[in-house]
Amino acid sequence: MRKFILVSVAMLCFAGAAAAQDNNTTAAVSADPASPAAARMSSGEGYPWQVGANFTYQRFDMGKSNANLYGIQTSVNRWIADSPVGIEGTVTATFGRFSPTVREQVVFYGGGLKVGKREGKYQPWAHILFGGAHDRFNQGVGPSGFNTWGFMGGGGIDIQWRSHIAWRAQVDFLGTHFGGVFQKTVNVGGGIVLDF
């Protein structure tokens, strides 16, 4: 798992360095700076990086039952030149209670591709990410934590508010394989995105 994380981080670094070689980040705005169109400048007009933070609700599949978990999802995306394709990395950490005495904590971390519209007020997008997952809970018997592989796929929409700021709504499917059993989990979230 450590090798996978190191390879993913190296790919993100090399992709960013390669894209920086031929990327021109100067934006030409011909509109009046006070106009609403100039205030909604998007990542397609000179901002190759996106950083997002969401509050997220997760309905974690426990096999015969489910746990309601709440937490934060963070993401970093680097658009590849002027294309609608980007390389994204994300970490999602959710916490909650499975029962009054058992606390549940689930973390997903991964990287992958993102495809989306990069101009205008409404910017829909989709992504697919592969990585690892960690499940930790307190119980009286047996191991208290598990590690496994996982993948996340879904999409959402960014609504441009200011030139560097957008509101985000997203829905994701999270697949994990804890204890030899496949879990199917749904994440729903909303938050803020910074373009730079």
N, C-alpha and C. Protein backbone atom coordinates (compact mmCIF):
# COMPACT_ATOMS: atom_id res chain seq x y z
N MET A 1 0.82 -1.18 0.00
CA MET A 1 0.00 0.00 0.00
C MET A 1 0.87 1.25 0.00
N ARG A 2 1.99 1.22 0.72
CA ARG A 2 2.89 2.38 0.73
C ARG A 2 3.46 2.66 -0.65
N LYS A 3 3.77 1.60 -1.39
CA LYS A 3 4.29 1.79 -2.74
C LYS A 3 3.25 2.46 -3.63
N PHE A 4 1.98 2.04 -3.48
CA PHE A 4 0.92 2.63 -4.28
C PHE A 4 0.78 4.12 -3.99
N ILE A 5 0.83 4.49 -2.72
CA ILE A 5 0.72 5.90 -2.34
C ILE A 5 1.89 6.69 -2.89
N LEU A 6 3.11 6.15 -2.78
CA LEU A 6 4.29 6.85 -3.30
C LEU A 6 4.22 7.02 -4.81
N VAL A 7 3.76 5.99 -5.52
CA VAL A 7 3.64 6.08 -6.98
C VAL A 7 2.58 7.12 -7.34
N SER A 8 1.44 7.15 -6.60
CA SER A 8 0.39 8.13 -6.88
C SER A 8 0.88 9.56 -6.67
N VAL A 9 1.59 9.79 -5.58
CA VAL A 9 2.12 11.13 -5.31
C VAL A 9 3.14 11.53 -6.37
N ALA A 10 4.00 10.59 -6.76
CA ALA A 10 4.99 10.89 -7.80
C ALA A 10 4.32 11.24 -9.12
N MET A 11 3.25 10.50 -9.49
CA MET A 11 2.53 10.80 -10.73
C MET A 11 1.92 12.20 -10.68
N LEU A 12 1.34 12.58 -9.55
CA LEU A 12 0.77 13.92 -9.43
C LEU A 12 1.84 15.00 -9.57
N CYS A 13 3.00 14.77 -8.95
CA CYS A 13 4.09 15.76 -9.03
C CYS A 13 4.62 15.88 -10.46
N PHE A 14 4.86 14.75 -11.11
CA PHE A 14 5.40 14.78 -12.47
C PHE A 14 4.39 15.35 -13.45
N ALA A 15 3.10 15.05 -13.27
CA ALA A 15 2.08 15.60 -14.16
C ALA A 15 2.00 17.11 -14.00
N GLY A 16 2.10 17.59 -12.77
CA GLY A 16 2.08 19.03 -12.54
C GLY A 16 3.28 19.72 -13.16
N ALA A 17 4.45 19.11 -13.02
CA ALA A 17 5.66 19.70 -13.59
C ALA A 17 5.60 19.69 -15.12
N ALA A 18 5.09 18.59 -15.70
CA ALA A 18 5.01 18.51 -17.16
C ALA A 18 4.00 19.51 -17.70
N ALA A 19 2.86 19.65 -17.03
CA ALA A 19 1.85 20.59 -17.50
C ALA A 19 2.32 22.03 -17.34
N ALA A 20 3.16 22.29 -16.35
CA ALA A 20 3.66 23.66 -16.15
C ALA A 20 4.61 24.09 -17.26
N GLN A 21 5.21 23.15 -17.97
CA GLN A 21 6.15 23.48 -19.03
C GLN A 21 5.48 24.20 -20.19
N ASP A 22 4.20 23.82 -20.48
CA ASP A 22 3.55 24.43 -21.63
C ASP A 22 2.27 25.15 -21.24
N ASN A 23 2.08 25.48 -19.98
CA ASN A 23 0.86 26.14 -19.55
C ASN A 23 1.07 27.64 -19.42
N ASN A 24 0.19 28.40 -20.02
CA ASN A 24 0.20 29.85 -19.89
C ASN A 24 -0.95 30.23 -18.97
N THR A 25 -0.65 30.68 -17.77
CA THR A 25 -1.70 30.94 -16.79
C THR A 25 -2.17 32.38 -16.78
N THR A 26 -1.77 33.17 -17.77
CA THR A 26 -2.28 34.53 -17.82
C THR A 26 -3.66 34.52 -18.44
N ALA A 27 -4.57 35.23 -17.84
CA ALA A 27 -5.95 35.27 -18.32
C ALA A 27 -6.23 36.64 -18.90
N ALA A 28 -6.74 36.68 -20.11
CA ALA A 28 -7.10 37.93 -20.74
C ALA A 28 -8.59 38.14 -20.54
N VAL A 29 -8.95 39.18 -19.82
CA VAL A 29 -10.35 39.49 -19.56
C VAL A 29 -10.66 40.78 -20.27
N SER A 30 -11.55 40.70 -21.24
CA SER A 30 -11.89 41.90 -22.00
C SER A 30 -13.10 42.60 -21.42
N ALA A 31 -13.79 41.96 -20.47
CA ALA A 31 -14.98 42.57 -19.89
C ALA A 31 -14.58 43.57 -18.81
N ASP A 32 -15.53 44.40 -18.46
CA ASP A 32 -15.34 45.34 -17.37
C ASP A 32 -15.13 44.56 -16.07
N PRO A 33 -14.08 44.87 -15.28
CA PRO A 33 -13.81 44.11 -14.06
C PRO A 33 -14.97 44.11 -13.08
N ALA A 34 -15.85 45.09 -13.14
CA ALA A 34 -16.97 45.13 -12.21
C ALA A 34 -18.15 44.30 -12.70
N SER A 35 -18.10 43.77 -13.93
CA SER A 35 -19.23 43.03 -14.47
C SER A 35 -19.32 41.64 -13.86
N PRO A 36 -20.53 41.05 -13.80
CA PRO A 36 -20.69 39.71 -13.24
C PRO A 36 -19.94 38.64 -14.03
N ALA A 37 -19.79 38.81 -15.34
CA ALA A 37 -19.07 37.82 -16.14
C ALA A 37 -17.60 37.77 -15.75
N ALA A 38 -16.99 38.91 -15.46
CA ALA A 38 -15.60 38.91 -15.04
C ALA A 38 -15.45 38.33 -13.64
N ALA A 39 -16.47 38.47 -12.81
CA ALA A 39 -16.41 37.93 -11.46
C ALA A 39 -16.52 36.40 -11.45
N ARG A 40 -17.01 35.80 -12.55
CA ARG A 40 -17.17 34.36 -12.60
C ARG A 40 -16.11 33.69 -13.45
N MET A 41 -14.93 34.24 -13.51
CA MET A 41 -13.84 33.63 -14.24
C MET A 41 -13.58 32.25 -13.66
N SER A 42 -13.46 31.25 -14.49
CA SER A 42 -13.34 29.88 -14.01
C SER A 42 -11.95 29.33 -14.21
N SER A 43 -11.78 28.06 -13.80
CA SER A 43 -10.47 27.42 -13.94
C SER A 43 -10.05 27.28 -15.39
N GLY A 44 -10.99 27.31 -16.33
CA GLY A 44 -10.65 27.21 -17.74
C GLY A 44 -10.03 28.48 -18.28
N GLU A 45 -10.08 29.56 -17.53
CA GLU A 45 -9.54 30.83 -17.98
C GLU A 45 -8.27 31.21 -17.24
N GLY A 46 -7.43 30.23 -16.94
CA GLY A 46 -6.15 30.56 -16.37
C GLY A 46 -5.85 30.01 -14.99
N TYR A 47 -6.76 29.25 -14.40
CA TYR A 47 -6.53 28.69 -13.07
C TYR A 47 -6.40 27.17 -13.18
N PRO A 48 -5.19 26.64 -13.20
CA PRO A 48 -5.04 25.20 -13.43
C PRO A 48 -5.23 24.34 -12.18
N TRP A 49 -5.21 24.91 -11.00
CA TRP A 49 -5.33 24.14 -9.76
C TRP A 49 -6.68 24.37 -9.11
N GLN A 50 -7.22 23.32 -8.48
CA GLN A 50 -8.43 23.40 -7.68
C GLN A 50 -8.19 22.71 -6.35
N VAL A 51 -8.60 23.35 -5.27
CA VAL A 51 -8.55 22.75 -3.93
C VAL A 51 -9.95 22.86 -3.35
N GLY A 52 -10.49 21.75 -2.88
CA GLY A 52 -11.85 21.75 -2.37
C GLY A 52 -11.94 21.13 -0.99
N ALA A 53 -12.92 21.57 -0.23
CA ALA A 53 -13.23 20.99 1.08
C ALA A 53 -14.74 20.90 1.20
N ASN A 54 -15.24 19.72 1.53
CA ASN A 54 -16.68 19.47 1.63
C ASN A 54 -17.03 18.90 3.00
N PHE A 55 -18.21 19.24 3.48
CA PHE A 55 -18.84 18.47 4.54
C PHE A 55 -19.49 17.29 3.84
N THR A 56 -19.36 16.09 4.37
CA THR A 56 -19.90 14.92 3.69
C THR A 56 -20.68 14.03 4.63
N TYR A 57 -21.75 13.46 4.11
CA TYR A 57 -22.54 12.45 4.81
C TYR A 57 -22.27 11.12 4.10
N GLN A 58 -22.02 10.08 4.88
CA GLN A 58 -21.71 8.78 4.30
C GLN A 58 -22.63 7.72 4.91
N ARG A 59 -23.31 6.98 4.07
CA ARG A 59 -24.12 5.83 4.51
C ARG A 59 -23.25 4.61 4.32
N PHE A 60 -22.49 4.24 5.38
CA PHE A 60 -21.49 3.17 5.28
C PHE A 60 -22.14 1.81 5.41
N ASP A 61 -21.91 0.97 4.40
CA ASP A 61 -22.47 -0.38 4.34
C ASP A 61 -21.71 -1.30 5.30
N MET A 62 -22.42 -1.85 6.28
CA MET A 62 -21.81 -2.74 7.26
C MET A 62 -22.22 -4.20 7.04
N GLY A 63 -22.71 -4.52 5.87
CA GLY A 63 -23.19 -5.87 5.62
C GLY A 63 -24.68 -5.95 5.87
N LYS A 64 -25.08 -6.40 7.07
CA LYS A 64 -26.50 -6.53 7.40
C LYS A 64 -27.11 -5.22 7.89
N SER A 65 -26.29 -4.22 8.16
CA SER A 65 -26.81 -2.93 8.62
C SER A 65 -25.93 -1.82 8.06
N ASN A 66 -26.31 -0.59 8.33
CA ASN A 66 -25.57 0.58 7.85
C ASN A 66 -25.25 1.51 9.01
N ALA A 67 -24.20 2.30 8.84
CA ALA A 67 -23.83 3.33 9.82
C ALA A 67 -23.91 4.69 9.15
N ASN A 68 -24.47 5.66 9.84
CA ASN A 68 -24.53 7.04 9.35
C ASN A 68 -23.30 7.76 9.86
N LEU A 69 -22.44 8.17 8.94
CA LEU A 69 -21.18 8.82 9.30
C LEU A 69 -21.14 10.22 8.70
N TYR A 70 -20.46 11.13 9.38
CA TYR A 70 -20.32 12.51 8.94
C TYR A 70 -18.85 12.90 9.00
N GLY A 71 -18.40 13.74 8.07
CA GLY A 71 -17.00 14.12 8.10
C GLY A 71 -16.67 15.15 7.05
N ILE A 72 -15.41 15.07 6.59
CA ILE A 72 -14.89 16.06 5.64
C ILE A 72 -14.23 15.33 4.48
N GLN A 73 -14.40 15.89 3.30
CA GLN A 73 -13.74 15.38 2.10
C GLN A 73 -12.91 16.51 1.52
N THR A 74 -11.62 16.26 1.31
CA THR A 74 -10.73 17.25 0.72
C THR A 74 -10.25 16.73 -0.63
N SER A 75 -10.01 17.64 -1.55
CA SER A 75 -9.53 17.22 -2.87
C SER A 75 -8.60 18.28 -3.45
N VAL A 76 -7.64 17.80 -4.25
CA VAL A 76 -6.74 18.66 -5.01
C VAL A 76 -6.79 18.17 -6.44
N ASN A 77 -6.99 19.09 -7.38
CA ASN A 77 -7.07 18.74 -8.79
C ASN A 77 -6.14 19.64 -9.59
N ARG A 78 -5.44 19.04 -10.55
CA ARG A 78 -4.59 19.79 -11.47
C ARG A 78 -5.08 19.52 -12.88
N TRP A 79 -5.64 20.54 -13.52
CA TRP A 79 -6.09 20.39 -14.91
C TRP A 79 -4.88 20.23 -15.81
N ILE A 80 -4.98 19.38 -16.81
CA ILE A 80 -3.89 19.13 -17.75
C ILE A 80 -4.01 20.14 -18.88
N ALA A 81 -3.11 21.11 -18.90
CA ALA A 81 -3.09 22.19 -19.90
C ALA A 81 -4.47 22.83 -19.98
N ASP A 82 -5.01 22.99 -21.19
CA ASP A 82 -6.32 23.60 -21.37
C ASP A 82 -7.41 22.57 -21.62
N SER A 83 -7.13 21.31 -21.34
CA SER A 83 -8.10 20.24 -21.60
C SER A 83 -9.12 20.14 -20.46
N PRO A 84 -10.23 19.44 -20.70
CA PRO A 84 -11.22 19.23 -19.64
C PRO A 84 -10.87 18.07 -18.71
N VAL A 85 -9.64 17.55 -18.80
CA VAL A 85 -9.20 16.40 -18.00
C VAL A 85 -8.20 16.87 -16.95
N GLY A 86 -8.35 16.35 -15.75
CA GLY A 86 -7.43 16.69 -14.67
C GLY A 86 -7.02 15.47 -13.89
N ILE A 87 -5.98 15.62 -13.09
CA ILE A 87 -5.50 14.57 -12.19
C ILE A 87 -5.89 15.01 -10.79
N GLU A 88 -6.61 14.14 -10.08
CA GLU A 88 -7.18 14.51 -8.78
C GLU A 88 -6.71 13.56 -7.69
N GLY A 89 -6.51 14.11 -6.51
CA GLY A 89 -6.25 13.33 -5.31
C GLY A 89 -7.24 13.75 -4.24
N THR A 90 -7.69 12.79 -3.44
CA THR A 90 -8.70 13.11 -2.43
C THR A 90 -8.47 12.30 -1.16
N VAL A 91 -8.93 12.86 -0.05
CA VAL A 91 -8.98 12.17 1.24
C VAL A 91 -10.34 12.46 1.85
N THR A 92 -11.03 11.39 2.24
CA THR A 92 -12.34 11.51 2.89
C THR A 92 -12.26 10.85 4.25
N ALA A 93 -12.58 11.57 5.30
CA ALA A 93 -12.58 11.03 6.66
C ALA A 93 -13.96 11.24 7.27
N THR A 94 -14.62 10.14 7.68
CA THR A 94 -15.96 10.23 8.26
C THR A 94 -15.99 9.52 9.61
N PHE A 95 -16.85 10.01 10.48
CA PHE A 95 -16.93 9.52 11.85
C PHE A 95 -18.38 9.40 12.26
N GLY A 96 -18.66 8.46 13.15
CA GLY A 96 -20.01 8.32 13.66
C GLY A 96 -20.11 7.14 14.61
N ARG A 97 -21.35 6.74 14.91
CA ARG A 97 -21.59 5.63 15.82
C ARG A 97 -22.40 4.56 15.11
N PHE A 98 -21.93 3.32 15.25
CA PHE A 98 -22.66 2.18 14.73
C PHE A 98 -23.74 1.77 15.72
N SER A 99 -23.45 1.92 16.99
CA SER A 99 -24.39 1.69 18.08
C SER A 99 -24.00 2.66 19.19
N PRO A 100 -24.76 2.71 20.29
CA PRO A 100 -24.39 3.64 21.37
C PRO A 100 -22.99 3.40 21.95
N THR A 101 -22.46 2.20 21.83
CA THR A 101 -21.16 1.90 22.42
C THR A 101 -20.05 1.71 21.40
N VAL A 102 -20.38 1.63 20.13
CA VAL A 102 -19.37 1.36 19.09
C VAL A 102 -19.23 2.56 18.17
N ARG A 103 -18.05 3.17 18.15
CA ARG A 103 -17.76 4.29 17.25
C ARG A 103 -17.11 3.76 15.98
N GLU A 104 -17.43 4.38 14.85
CA GLU A 104 -16.93 3.97 13.55
C GLU A 104 -16.19 5.13 12.91
N GLN A 105 -15.03 4.86 12.29
CA GLN A 105 -14.26 5.87 11.57
C GLN A 105 -13.79 5.25 10.26
N VAL A 106 -14.10 5.89 9.15
CA VAL A 106 -13.72 5.38 7.83
C VAL A 106 -12.95 6.46 7.10
N VAL A 107 -11.78 6.09 6.55
CA VAL A 107 -10.96 7.02 5.78
C VAL A 107 -10.70 6.40 4.40
N PHE A 108 -10.94 7.17 3.34
CA PHE A 108 -10.58 6.77 1.98
C PHE A 108 -9.57 7.77 1.46
N TYR A 109 -8.51 7.28 0.81
CA TYR A 109 -7.51 8.15 0.19
C TYR A 109 -7.19 7.56 -1.17
N GLY A 110 -7.14 8.42 -2.20
CA GLY A 110 -6.87 7.90 -3.53
C GLY A 110 -6.62 8.99 -4.55
N GLY A 111 -6.36 8.56 -5.75
CA GLY A 111 -6.09 9.46 -6.85
C GLY A 111 -6.65 8.90 -8.14
N GLY A 112 -6.87 9.78 -9.10
CA GLY A 112 -7.40 9.33 -10.39
C GLY A 112 -7.65 10.48 -11.33
N LEU A 113 -8.62 10.29 -12.21
CA LEU A 113 -8.92 11.27 -13.25
C LEU A 113 -10.22 12.00 -12.97
N LYS A 114 -10.25 13.25 -13.41
CA LYS A 114 -11.44 14.07 -13.31
C LYS A 114 -11.70 14.69 -14.68
N VAL A 115 -12.96 14.69 -15.11
CA VAL A 115 -13.35 15.28 -16.39
C VAL A 115 -14.47 16.27 -16.09
N GLY A 116 -14.36 17.48 -16.64
CA GLY A 116 -15.40 18.45 -16.35
C GLY A 116 -15.36 19.67 -17.24
N LYS A 117 -16.44 20.42 -17.19
CA LYS A 117 -16.55 21.69 -17.89
C LYS A 117 -15.78 22.73 -17.07
N ARG A 118 -15.04 23.58 -17.72
CA ARG A 118 -14.16 24.51 -17.01
C ARG A 118 -14.50 25.97 -17.20
N GLU A 119 -15.62 26.30 -17.80
CA GLU A 119 -15.99 27.70 -17.95
C GLU A 119 -17.48 27.86 -17.71
N GLY A 120 -17.88 29.09 -17.42
CA GLY A 120 -19.27 29.39 -17.14
C GLY A 120 -19.58 29.33 -15.65
N LYS A 121 -20.79 29.69 -15.32
CA LYS A 121 -21.20 29.70 -13.92
C LYS A 121 -21.40 28.28 -13.39
N TYR A 122 -22.00 27.40 -14.18
CA TYR A 122 -22.27 26.02 -13.77
C TYR A 122 -21.27 25.09 -14.44
N GLN A 123 -20.51 24.34 -13.63
CA GLN A 123 -19.45 23.49 -14.15
C GLN A 123 -19.63 22.05 -13.66
N PRO A 124 -20.38 21.22 -14.41
CA PRO A 124 -20.53 19.82 -14.00
C PRO A 124 -19.23 19.04 -14.23
N TRP A 125 -19.03 17.99 -13.45
CA TRP A 125 -17.82 17.19 -13.56
C TRP A 125 -18.09 15.77 -13.07
N ALA A 126 -17.17 14.87 -13.42
CA ALA A 126 -17.21 13.47 -12.96
C ALA A 126 -15.79 13.03 -12.68
N HIS A 127 -15.63 12.07 -11.76
CA HIS A 127 -14.29 11.56 -11.46
C HIS A 127 -14.34 10.08 -11.09
N ILE A 128 -13.19 9.43 -11.24
CA ILE A 128 -12.99 8.04 -10.81
C ILE A 128 -11.63 7.99 -10.12
N LEU A 129 -11.63 7.48 -8.89
CA LEU A 129 -10.42 7.47 -8.06
C LEU A 129 -10.18 6.07 -7.52
N PHE A 130 -8.92 5.68 -7.43
CA PHE A 130 -8.53 4.39 -6.86
C PHE A 130 -7.54 4.64 -5.74
N GLY A 131 -7.62 3.84 -4.68
CA GLY A 131 -6.70 4.03 -3.56
C GLY A 131 -6.93 3.03 -2.46
N GLY A 132 -6.81 3.50 -1.24
CA GLY A 132 -6.93 2.64 -0.07
C GLY A 132 -7.98 3.16 0.88
N ALA A 133 -8.35 2.30 1.81
CA ALA A 133 -9.35 2.67 2.81
C ALA A 133 -8.95 2.08 4.16
N HIS A 134 -9.32 2.79 5.22
CA HIS A 134 -9.05 2.33 6.58
C HIS A 134 -10.34 2.45 7.37
N ASP A 135 -10.70 1.38 8.06
CA ASP A 135 -11.89 1.34 8.91
C ASP A 135 -11.43 1.08 10.34
N ARG A 136 -11.84 1.94 11.26
CA ARG A 136 -11.45 1.79 12.66
C ARG A 136 -12.70 1.92 13.52
N PHE A 137 -12.83 1.00 14.45
CA PHE A 137 -13.95 1.06 15.38
C PHE A 137 -13.51 0.47 16.71
N ASN A 138 -14.21 0.84 17.76
CA ASN A 138 -13.88 0.30 19.07
C ASN A 138 -14.84 -0.84 19.40
N GLN A 139 -14.29 -1.94 19.81
CA GLN A 139 -15.10 -3.10 20.20
C GLN A 139 -14.33 -3.88 21.24
N GLY A 140 -14.99 -4.79 21.90
CA GLY A 140 -14.36 -5.54 22.97
C GLY A 140 -13.47 -6.67 22.52
N VAL A 141 -13.76 -7.29 21.36
CA VAL A 141 -13.03 -8.47 20.91
C VAL A 141 -12.56 -8.27 19.47
N GLY A 142 -11.42 -8.86 19.12
CA GLY A 142 -10.94 -8.82 17.74
C GLY A 142 -10.19 -7.54 17.42
N PRO A 143 -9.73 -7.45 16.16
CA PRO A 143 -8.97 -6.26 15.76
C PRO A 143 -9.87 -5.03 15.70
N SER A 144 -9.27 -3.87 15.98
CA SER A 144 -10.07 -2.64 16.00
C SER A 144 -9.97 -1.86 14.69
N GLY A 145 -9.16 -2.30 13.74
CA GLY A 145 -9.03 -1.58 12.49
C GLY A 145 -8.67 -2.50 11.34
N PHE A 146 -9.06 -2.10 10.14
CA PHE A 146 -8.79 -2.86 8.93
C PHE A 146 -8.32 -1.92 7.84
N ASN A 147 -7.44 -2.41 6.96
CA ASN A 147 -7.01 -1.67 5.77
C ASN A 147 -7.37 -2.49 4.54
N THR A 148 -7.73 -1.82 3.46
CA THR A 148 -8.08 -2.51 2.22
C THR A 148 -7.96 -1.54 1.05
N TRP A 149 -8.23 -2.03 -0.14
CA TRP A 149 -8.29 -1.19 -1.33
C TRP A 149 -9.68 -0.59 -1.43
N GLY A 150 -9.78 0.44 -2.24
CA GLY A 150 -11.09 1.06 -2.44
C GLY A 150 -11.09 1.88 -3.72
N PHE A 151 -12.28 2.19 -4.18
CA PHE A 151 -12.42 3.08 -5.33
C PHE A 151 -13.62 3.98 -5.10
N MET A 152 -13.57 5.16 -5.71
CA MET A 152 -14.65 6.13 -5.60
C MET A 152 -14.97 6.66 -6.98
N GLY A 153 -16.23 6.71 -7.29
CA GLY A 153 -16.67 7.26 -8.57
C GLY A 153 -17.92 8.09 -8.36
N GLY A 154 -18.02 9.17 -9.08
CA GLY A 154 -19.21 10.00 -8.95
C GLY A 154 -19.04 11.30 -9.68
N GLY A 155 -19.76 12.29 -9.23
CA GLY A 155 -19.69 13.57 -9.90
C GLY A 155 -20.40 14.64 -9.11
N GLY A 156 -20.44 15.80 -9.70
CA GLY A 156 -21.08 16.91 -9.03
C GLY A 156 -21.10 18.14 -9.91
N ILE A 157 -21.33 19.25 -9.28
CA ILE A 157 -21.37 20.52 -9.99
C ILE A 157 -20.73 21.59 -9.12
N ASP A 158 -19.90 22.42 -9.76
CA ASP A 158 -19.31 23.60 -9.12
C ASP A 158 -20.06 24.82 -9.64
N ILE A 159 -20.52 25.65 -8.73
CA ILE A 159 -21.25 26.87 -9.11
C ILE A 159 -20.34 28.04 -8.77
N GLN A 160 -19.81 28.69 -9.83
CA GLN A 160 -18.86 29.81 -9.65
C GLN A 160 -19.55 30.96 -8.94
N TRP A 161 -18.91 31.43 -7.87
CA TRP A 161 -19.43 32.55 -7.10
C TRP A 161 -18.59 33.80 -7.34
N ARG A 162 -17.29 33.67 -7.20
CA ARG A 162 -16.33 34.75 -7.48
C ARG A 162 -15.28 34.18 -8.43
N SER A 163 -14.31 35.00 -8.80
CA SER A 163 -13.32 34.55 -9.80
C SER A 163 -12.53 33.32 -9.34
N HIS A 164 -12.24 33.20 -8.06
CA HIS A 164 -11.45 32.08 -7.55
C HIS A 164 -12.25 31.16 -6.64
N ILE A 165 -13.53 31.41 -6.44
CA ILE A 165 -14.31 30.67 -5.45
C ILE A 165 -15.57 30.11 -6.09
N ALA A 166 -15.85 28.82 -5.78
CA ALA A 166 -17.07 28.18 -6.26
C ALA A 166 -17.68 27.35 -5.13
N TRP A 167 -19.00 27.17 -5.20
CA TRP A 167 -19.70 26.27 -4.29
C TRP A 167 -19.81 24.91 -4.97
N ARG A 168 -19.68 23.83 -4.21
CA ARG A 168 -19.68 22.49 -4.79
C ARG A 168 -20.75 21.61 -4.15
N ALA A 169 -21.43 20.84 -4.99
CA ALA A 169 -22.33 19.77 -4.54
C ALA A 169 -21.90 18.50 -5.26
N GLN A 170 -21.81 17.38 -4.53
CA GLN A 170 -21.36 16.15 -5.19
C GLN A 170 -21.96 14.92 -4.54
N VAL A 171 -22.03 13.85 -5.34
CA VAL A 171 -22.48 12.54 -4.90
C VAL A 171 -21.47 11.52 -5.40
N ASP A 172 -21.03 10.61 -4.51
CA ASP A 172 -20.04 9.60 -4.89
C ASP A 172 -20.47 8.23 -4.41
N PHE A 173 -20.05 7.22 -5.16
CA PHE A 173 -20.16 5.83 -4.75
C PHE A 173 -18.78 5.39 -4.27
N LEU A 174 -18.70 4.83 -3.09
CA LEU A 174 -17.44 4.34 -2.53
C LEU A 174 -17.53 2.83 -2.39
N GLY A 175 -16.62 2.13 -3.06
CA GLY A 175 -16.55 0.68 -2.94
C GLY A 175 -15.31 0.28 -2.17
N THR A 176 -15.49 -0.54 -1.13
CA THR A 176 -14.38 -1.03 -0.32
C THR A 176 -14.51 -2.54 -0.16
N HIS A 177 -13.47 -3.17 0.38
CA HIS A 177 -13.44 -4.63 0.50
C HIS A 177 -12.89 -5.04 1.87
N PHE A 178 -13.54 -4.58 2.94
CA PHE A 178 -13.10 -4.91 4.29
C PHE A 178 -13.51 -6.33 4.66
N GLY A 179 -12.60 -7.07 5.26
CA GLY A 179 -12.91 -8.40 5.78
C GLY A 179 -13.34 -9.40 4.72
N GLY A 180 -12.90 -9.22 3.48
CA GLY A 180 -13.27 -10.14 2.41
C GLY A 180 -14.68 -9.95 1.89
N VAL A 181 -15.35 -8.89 2.30
CA VAL A 181 -16.72 -8.61 1.86
C VAL A 181 -16.73 -7.24 1.18
N PHE A 182 -17.44 -7.14 0.05
CA PHE A 182 -17.52 -5.89 -0.70
C PHE A 182 -18.57 -4.98 -0.06
N GLN A 183 -18.18 -3.74 0.29
CA GLN A 183 -19.12 -2.75 0.84
C GLN A 183 -19.45 -1.73 -0.24
N LYS A 184 -20.73 -1.38 -0.31
CA LYS A 184 -21.23 -0.38 -1.26
C LYS A 184 -21.75 0.80 -0.45
N THR A 185 -21.06 1.93 -0.56
CA THR A 185 -21.34 3.08 0.29
C THR A 185 -21.64 4.30 -0.57
N VAL A 186 -22.53 5.16 -0.09
CA VAL A 186 -22.88 6.39 -0.80
C VAL A 186 -22.42 7.58 0.02
N ASN A 187 -21.75 8.53 -0.64
CA ASN A 187 -21.33 9.80 -0.03
C ASN A 187 -22.09 10.94 -0.69
N VAL A 188 -22.61 11.86 0.10
CA VAL A 188 -23.26 13.06 -0.39
C VAL A 188 -22.63 14.24 0.34
N GLY A 189 -22.24 15.28 -0.39
CA GLY A 189 -21.57 16.38 0.28
C GLY A 189 -21.72 17.70 -0.43
N GLY A 190 -21.30 18.73 0.26
CA GLY A 190 -21.29 20.07 -0.29
C GLY A 190 -20.23 20.90 0.39
N GLY A 191 -19.66 21.84 -0.37
CA GLY A 191 -18.59 22.64 0.22
C GLY A 191 -18.15 23.75 -0.70
N ILE A 192 -16.86 24.06 -0.61
CA ILE A 192 -16.28 25.19 -1.31
C ILE A 192 -15.07 24.75 -2.11
N VAL A 193 -14.81 25.41 -3.23
CA VAL A 193 -13.67 25.11 -4.10
C VAL A 193 -12.93 26.41 -4.37
N LEU A 194 -11.59 26.35 -4.28
CA LEU A 194 -10.74 27.50 -4.60
C LEU A 194 -9.96 27.19 -5.86
N ASP A 195 -10.02 28.07 -6.84
CA ASP A 195 -9.26 27.95 -8.09
C ASP A 195 -8.06 28.87 -8.02
N PHE A 196 -6.88 28.37 -8.40
CA PHE A 196 -5.69 29.21 -8.48
C PHE A 196 -4.72 28.66 -9.49
